Structure formats: C-alpha cells, structure tokens
N, C-alpha and C. Protein backbone atom coordinates (compact mmCIF):
# COMPACT_ATOMS: atom_id res chain seq x y z
N MET A 1 181.37 186.27 1.70
CA MET A 1 181.56 187.67 1.37
C MET A 1 180.26 188.26 0.84
N ILE A 2 180.17 189.55 0.93
CA ILE A 2 179.02 190.26 0.39
C ILE A 2 179.25 190.47 -1.10
N THR A 3 178.29 190.04 -1.90
CA THR A 3 178.41 190.16 -3.36
C THR A 3 178.09 191.58 -3.81
N PRO A 4 178.41 191.91 -5.04
CA PRO A 4 178.01 193.21 -5.57
C PRO A 4 176.48 193.38 -5.60
N GLY A 5 175.75 192.27 -5.57
CA GLY A 5 174.29 192.31 -5.51
C GLY A 5 173.77 192.56 -4.10
N GLY A 6 174.64 192.54 -3.10
CA GLY A 6 174.26 192.85 -1.73
C GLY A 6 173.94 191.66 -0.86
N ALA A 7 174.13 190.44 -1.35
CA ALA A 7 173.81 189.24 -0.57
C ALA A 7 175.10 188.56 -0.10
N GLU A 8 174.99 187.80 0.97
CA GLU A 8 176.12 187.02 1.48
C GLU A 8 176.22 185.74 0.67
N CYS A 9 177.40 185.46 0.11
CA CYS A 9 177.59 184.26 -0.70
C CYS A 9 178.98 183.69 -0.46
N ALA A 10 179.04 182.41 -0.12
CA ALA A 10 180.31 181.76 0.16
C ALA A 10 181.10 181.48 -1.12
N LEU A 11 180.47 181.55 -2.27
CA LEU A 11 181.14 181.24 -3.52
C LEU A 11 181.66 182.48 -4.25
N TYR A 12 181.44 183.65 -3.69
CA TYR A 12 181.94 184.89 -4.27
C TYR A 12 183.23 185.27 -3.57
N TYR A 13 184.20 185.77 -4.35
CA TYR A 13 185.48 186.17 -3.79
C TYR A 13 185.90 187.50 -4.40
N GLU A 14 186.43 188.37 -3.56
CA GLU A 14 186.99 189.63 -4.04
C GLU A 14 188.22 189.98 -3.23
N ASP A 15 189.15 190.67 -3.88
CA ASP A 15 190.37 191.12 -3.22
C ASP A 15 190.78 192.44 -3.86
N PHE A 16 190.74 193.50 -3.07
CA PHE A 16 191.14 194.82 -3.54
C PHE A 16 192.31 195.36 -2.73
N ARG A 17 192.95 194.52 -1.94
CA ARG A 17 194.07 194.98 -1.12
C ARG A 17 195.34 195.15 -1.95
N ARG A 18 196.12 196.15 -1.59
CA ARG A 18 197.43 196.40 -2.18
C ARG A 18 197.39 196.49 -3.70
N GLY A 19 196.39 197.14 -4.20
CA GLY A 19 196.30 197.36 -5.63
C GLY A 19 195.70 196.22 -6.43
N ALA A 20 195.33 195.14 -5.77
CA ALA A 20 194.72 194.02 -6.48
C ALA A 20 193.30 194.40 -6.91
N ASN A 21 192.85 193.83 -7.97
CA ASN A 21 191.49 194.07 -8.45
C ASN A 21 190.91 192.73 -8.90
N VAL A 22 190.55 191.90 -7.92
CA VAL A 22 190.07 190.56 -8.21
C VAL A 22 188.63 190.42 -7.73
N GLN A 23 187.75 190.03 -8.63
CA GLN A 23 186.38 189.67 -8.30
C GLN A 23 186.06 188.42 -9.09
N GLU A 24 185.54 187.40 -8.40
CA GLU A 24 185.22 186.16 -9.11
C GLU A 24 184.11 185.40 -8.41
N CYS A 25 183.41 184.63 -9.22
CA CYS A 25 182.40 183.72 -8.72
C CYS A 25 182.96 182.32 -8.88
N ARG A 26 183.11 181.62 -7.79
CA ARG A 26 183.71 180.30 -7.82
C ARG A 26 182.71 179.20 -8.15
N ALA A 27 181.49 179.56 -8.42
CA ALA A 27 180.48 178.57 -8.81
C ALA A 27 180.39 178.43 -10.32
N VAL A 28 181.00 179.33 -11.06
CA VAL A 28 180.98 179.25 -12.52
C VAL A 28 182.07 178.28 -12.95
N THR A 29 181.67 177.07 -13.30
CA THR A 29 182.63 176.03 -13.68
C THR A 29 182.42 175.51 -15.09
N ASP A 30 181.32 175.90 -15.72
CA ASP A 30 181.00 175.42 -17.06
C ASP A 30 181.86 176.17 -18.09
N PRO A 31 182.66 175.46 -18.88
CA PRO A 31 183.50 176.15 -19.87
C PRO A 31 182.68 176.82 -20.98
N ARG A 32 181.43 176.40 -21.16
CA ARG A 32 180.56 177.01 -22.18
C ARG A 32 179.90 178.28 -21.67
N SER A 33 180.08 178.60 -20.39
CA SER A 33 179.47 179.77 -19.79
C SER A 33 180.08 181.05 -20.34
N ALA A 34 179.26 182.09 -20.43
CA ALA A 34 179.79 183.41 -20.77
C ALA A 34 180.64 183.89 -19.60
N ASP A 35 181.50 184.83 -19.85
CA ASP A 35 182.33 185.37 -18.78
C ASP A 35 181.45 185.98 -17.69
N TRP A 36 181.79 185.65 -16.45
CA TRP A 36 181.04 186.17 -15.31
C TRP A 36 181.34 187.65 -15.16
N GLN A 37 180.32 188.42 -14.80
CA GLN A 37 180.46 189.84 -14.51
C GLN A 37 179.84 190.12 -13.15
N PRO A 38 180.37 191.09 -12.40
CA PRO A 38 179.81 191.38 -11.07
C PRO A 38 178.33 191.71 -11.08
N THR A 39 177.81 192.22 -12.19
CA THR A 39 176.37 192.53 -12.26
C THR A 39 175.51 191.27 -12.28
N ASP A 40 176.10 190.12 -12.57
CA ASP A 40 175.34 188.86 -12.57
C ASP A 40 174.88 188.49 -11.16
N CYS A 41 175.56 189.00 -10.15
CA CYS A 41 175.20 188.68 -8.76
C CYS A 41 173.81 189.19 -8.38
N ALA A 42 173.35 190.23 -9.02
CA ALA A 42 172.03 190.79 -8.71
C ALA A 42 170.91 189.81 -9.07
N ARG A 43 171.13 188.96 -10.07
CA ARG A 43 170.10 188.02 -10.53
C ARG A 43 170.37 186.58 -10.08
N CYS A 44 171.41 186.38 -9.32
CA CYS A 44 171.83 185.02 -8.98
C CYS A 44 171.05 184.48 -7.77
N PRO A 45 170.48 183.27 -7.88
CA PRO A 45 169.74 182.68 -6.76
C PRO A 45 170.62 181.89 -5.79
N VAL A 46 171.92 181.78 -6.05
CA VAL A 46 172.79 180.95 -5.22
C VAL A 46 172.84 181.40 -3.76
N PRO A 47 172.96 182.71 -3.43
CA PRO A 47 172.97 183.07 -2.01
C PRO A 47 171.72 182.60 -1.26
N GLU A 48 170.58 182.67 -1.92
CA GLU A 48 169.32 182.21 -1.31
C GLU A 48 169.35 180.69 -1.12
N ILE A 49 169.87 179.97 -2.09
CA ILE A 49 169.96 178.51 -2.00
C ILE A 49 170.89 178.10 -0.87
N LEU A 50 172.05 178.75 -0.78
CA LEU A 50 173.01 178.41 0.28
C LEU A 50 172.48 178.76 1.67
N ALA A 51 171.69 179.83 1.77
CA ALA A 51 171.11 180.20 3.06
C ALA A 51 170.04 179.21 3.49
N ALA A 52 169.29 178.67 2.53
CA ALA A 52 168.19 177.76 2.85
C ALA A 52 168.67 176.33 3.07
N ASN A 53 169.76 175.94 2.45
CA ASN A 53 170.23 174.56 2.50
C ASN A 53 171.63 174.53 3.08
N GLY A 54 171.79 173.99 4.26
CA GLY A 54 173.09 173.93 4.91
C GLY A 54 173.80 172.61 4.74
N SER A 55 173.42 171.82 3.77
CA SER A 55 174.03 170.51 3.57
C SER A 55 175.50 170.64 3.17
N PRO A 56 176.39 169.90 3.82
CA PRO A 56 177.79 169.94 3.43
C PRO A 56 178.05 169.24 2.10
N TYR A 57 177.06 168.52 1.60
CA TYR A 57 177.21 167.79 0.34
C TYR A 57 176.65 168.55 -0.86
N LEU A 58 176.15 169.76 -0.63
CA LEU A 58 175.58 170.56 -1.69
C LEU A 58 176.68 171.16 -2.56
N ASP A 59 176.55 171.01 -3.86
CA ASP A 59 177.46 171.60 -4.82
C ASP A 59 176.62 172.36 -5.83
N VAL A 60 176.91 173.64 -5.99
CA VAL A 60 176.13 174.49 -6.88
C VAL A 60 177.01 174.89 -8.06
N ARG A 61 176.46 174.75 -9.26
CA ARG A 61 177.19 175.11 -10.48
C ARG A 61 176.37 176.13 -11.26
N ILE A 62 177.03 177.15 -11.73
CA ILE A 62 176.36 178.25 -12.42
C ILE A 62 176.83 178.30 -13.88
N THR A 63 175.88 178.58 -14.76
CA THR A 63 176.18 178.86 -16.15
C THR A 63 175.55 180.21 -16.48
N VAL A 64 176.36 181.14 -16.97
CA VAL A 64 175.87 182.45 -17.37
C VAL A 64 175.63 182.42 -18.86
N ARG A 65 174.40 182.75 -19.26
CA ARG A 65 174.04 182.73 -20.67
C ARG A 65 173.70 184.15 -21.12
N PRO A 66 174.35 184.58 -22.22
CA PRO A 66 174.03 185.92 -22.72
C PRO A 66 172.64 185.94 -23.36
N GLY A 67 172.01 187.09 -23.32
CA GLY A 67 170.70 187.22 -23.91
C GLY A 67 170.77 187.41 -25.42
N MET A 68 169.62 187.52 -26.02
CA MET A 68 169.55 187.69 -27.47
C MET A 68 170.13 189.05 -27.85
N LEU A 69 170.96 189.06 -28.86
CA LEU A 69 171.61 190.27 -29.37
C LEU A 69 172.45 190.96 -28.31
N GLY A 70 172.87 190.22 -27.30
CA GLY A 70 173.74 190.78 -26.27
C GLY A 70 173.01 191.55 -25.18
N PHE A 71 171.70 191.59 -25.21
CA PHE A 71 170.93 192.31 -24.20
C PHE A 71 170.41 191.33 -23.16
N GLY A 72 170.65 191.63 -21.91
CA GLY A 72 170.19 190.77 -20.82
C GLY A 72 171.06 189.54 -20.69
N ARG A 73 171.14 189.05 -19.52
CA ARG A 73 171.91 187.83 -19.23
C ARG A 73 171.08 186.96 -18.31
N ARG A 74 171.31 185.65 -18.37
CA ARG A 74 170.56 184.72 -17.54
C ARG A 74 171.55 183.88 -16.75
N VAL A 75 171.26 183.66 -15.48
CA VAL A 75 172.09 182.84 -14.61
C VAL A 75 171.34 181.53 -14.36
N ASP A 76 171.86 180.44 -14.92
CA ASP A 76 171.26 179.12 -14.72
C ASP A 76 172.04 178.39 -13.62
N VAL A 77 171.30 177.76 -12.73
CA VAL A 77 171.91 177.09 -11.58
C VAL A 77 171.58 175.61 -11.61
N GLU A 78 172.59 174.78 -11.39
CA GLU A 78 172.41 173.34 -11.21
C GLU A 78 172.88 173.00 -9.81
N ALA A 79 172.09 172.25 -9.08
CA ALA A 79 172.46 171.82 -7.74
C ALA A 79 172.75 170.33 -7.75
N TRP A 80 173.82 169.94 -7.11
CA TRP A 80 174.24 168.54 -7.05
C TRP A 80 174.49 168.15 -5.61
N CYS A 81 174.19 166.92 -5.30
CA CYS A 81 174.57 166.32 -4.03
C CYS A 81 175.84 165.51 -4.33
N SER A 82 176.89 165.74 -3.59
CA SER A 82 178.14 165.03 -3.87
C SER A 82 178.04 163.54 -3.55
N LEU A 83 177.00 163.13 -2.81
CA LEU A 83 176.80 161.72 -2.50
C LEU A 83 175.86 161.03 -3.48
N HIS A 84 174.80 161.75 -3.93
CA HIS A 84 173.73 161.10 -4.68
C HIS A 84 173.49 161.67 -6.08
N GLY A 85 174.24 162.64 -6.52
CA GLY A 85 174.08 163.16 -7.87
C GLY A 85 173.19 164.38 -7.96
N PRO A 86 172.60 164.61 -9.13
CA PRO A 86 171.81 165.82 -9.36
C PRO A 86 170.60 165.90 -8.43
N ILE A 87 170.30 167.12 -8.01
CA ILE A 87 169.14 167.36 -7.15
C ILE A 87 167.98 167.76 -8.05
N GLY A 88 166.95 166.96 -8.04
CA GLY A 88 165.75 167.27 -8.81
C GLY A 88 164.84 168.15 -7.98
N GLY A 89 164.15 169.03 -8.63
CA GLY A 89 163.23 169.91 -7.91
C GLY A 89 163.92 171.14 -7.38
N ASP A 90 163.43 171.63 -6.27
CA ASP A 90 163.93 172.87 -5.69
C ASP A 90 165.24 172.64 -4.94
N PRO A 91 166.33 173.29 -5.33
CA PRO A 91 167.60 173.07 -4.65
C PRO A 91 167.63 173.62 -3.22
N ARG A 92 166.67 174.48 -2.87
CA ARG A 92 166.62 175.01 -1.50
C ARG A 92 166.29 173.92 -0.49
N THR A 93 165.56 172.89 -0.93
CA THR A 93 165.19 171.81 -0.02
C THR A 93 166.25 170.73 0.07
N GLY A 94 167.16 170.69 -0.90
CA GLY A 94 168.27 169.75 -0.85
C GLY A 94 167.96 168.42 -1.50
N CYS A 95 168.86 167.49 -1.26
CA CYS A 95 168.77 166.16 -1.84
C CYS A 95 167.69 165.35 -1.13
N ALA A 96 166.78 164.78 -1.89
CA ALA A 96 165.68 164.01 -1.30
C ALA A 96 166.20 162.77 -0.58
N VAL A 97 167.24 162.14 -1.10
CA VAL A 97 167.79 160.94 -0.46
C VAL A 97 168.45 161.30 0.86
N CYS A 98 169.24 162.38 0.87
CA CYS A 98 169.89 162.82 2.12
C CYS A 98 168.84 163.22 3.16
N ASN A 99 167.78 163.90 2.71
CA ASN A 99 166.72 164.29 3.64
C ASN A 99 166.02 163.08 4.23
N ALA A 100 165.78 162.05 3.41
CA ALA A 100 165.14 160.83 3.91
C ALA A 100 166.04 160.11 4.91
N GLU A 101 167.34 160.07 4.61
CA GLU A 101 168.29 159.45 5.54
C GLU A 101 168.34 160.19 6.87
N ALA A 102 168.32 161.53 6.81
CA ALA A 102 168.35 162.33 8.03
C ALA A 102 167.07 162.13 8.83
N ASP A 103 165.92 162.06 8.15
CA ASP A 103 164.65 161.83 8.83
C ASP A 103 164.65 160.45 9.51
N ASP A 104 165.17 159.46 8.80
CA ASP A 104 165.24 158.10 9.36
C ASP A 104 166.16 158.06 10.59
N LEU A 105 167.29 158.76 10.50
CA LEU A 105 168.23 158.80 11.64
C LEU A 105 167.59 159.50 12.84
N LEU A 106 166.89 160.57 12.59
CA LEU A 106 166.21 161.30 13.66
C LEU A 106 165.10 160.44 14.28
N GLN A 107 164.37 159.73 13.44
CA GLN A 107 163.30 158.87 13.94
C GLN A 107 163.87 157.76 14.83
N ARG A 108 164.98 157.17 14.41
CA ARG A 108 165.60 156.11 15.23
C ARG A 108 166.14 156.66 16.54
N ALA A 109 166.54 157.92 16.56
CA ALA A 109 167.07 158.52 17.79
C ALA A 109 165.98 158.68 18.84
N PHE A 110 164.74 158.90 18.39
CA PHE A 110 163.64 159.10 19.32
C PHE A 110 162.90 157.82 19.66
N ASP A 111 163.23 156.71 19.03
CA ASP A 111 162.56 155.44 19.33
C ASP A 111 163.18 154.75 20.53
C-alpha cells in the first residue's frame, strides 16, 4: 500500500471502507515503542529497504522513539534474517550469509 509518506510499503495497512478508520504499521513490534503515527512514515527507511532487498527471509522491526520534550520523533529500524539472525551493516544489502550462499549456488550453476 501507499503510505502517508507517499512510498509503497508492504508493512503499512489502511482501511477506510464502510466507515472504518484503520491505519497501522505492521513493522512496529517493540512494546517499548511509542505509539505509531501516520506522520512517522515520512521518515521511515523501511520502504527503501524492502525495495532494495527482495529476500523472503528479511524481517524488519521498527521502534518509534519520541524526541526530547516531545518534539521530533525518530524511527529506528532493525533488520533480521529469519535463517541467520540479525543483519549487520546495511539492511538494503541483506544477510551476508544468505548472499554468500546465493553466490556459491550461482557459481556452481555455471561450472
């Protein structure tokens, strides 16, 4: 779906049919996170990460942190590989172990 920030994101959901007023981010799973607001989508890097990394094993978790004195908000993103655990480095490139396995498989296909 298209987020309020204008990007395509598979983890955003909205429903305004038949009087419903539902907007939610399904990537916010941390119970310590501040309540998600539609304006958080403007600063969220998840749509970019999902567009760059098509791995079916990618799991993205968001924590929304309020700013000092209630001004400004920060969206922190953690990327996980469901096979190998946390993704270190840039989540756009994906899991290093999965990438190495894919490279090895591709190399064997051409040998």
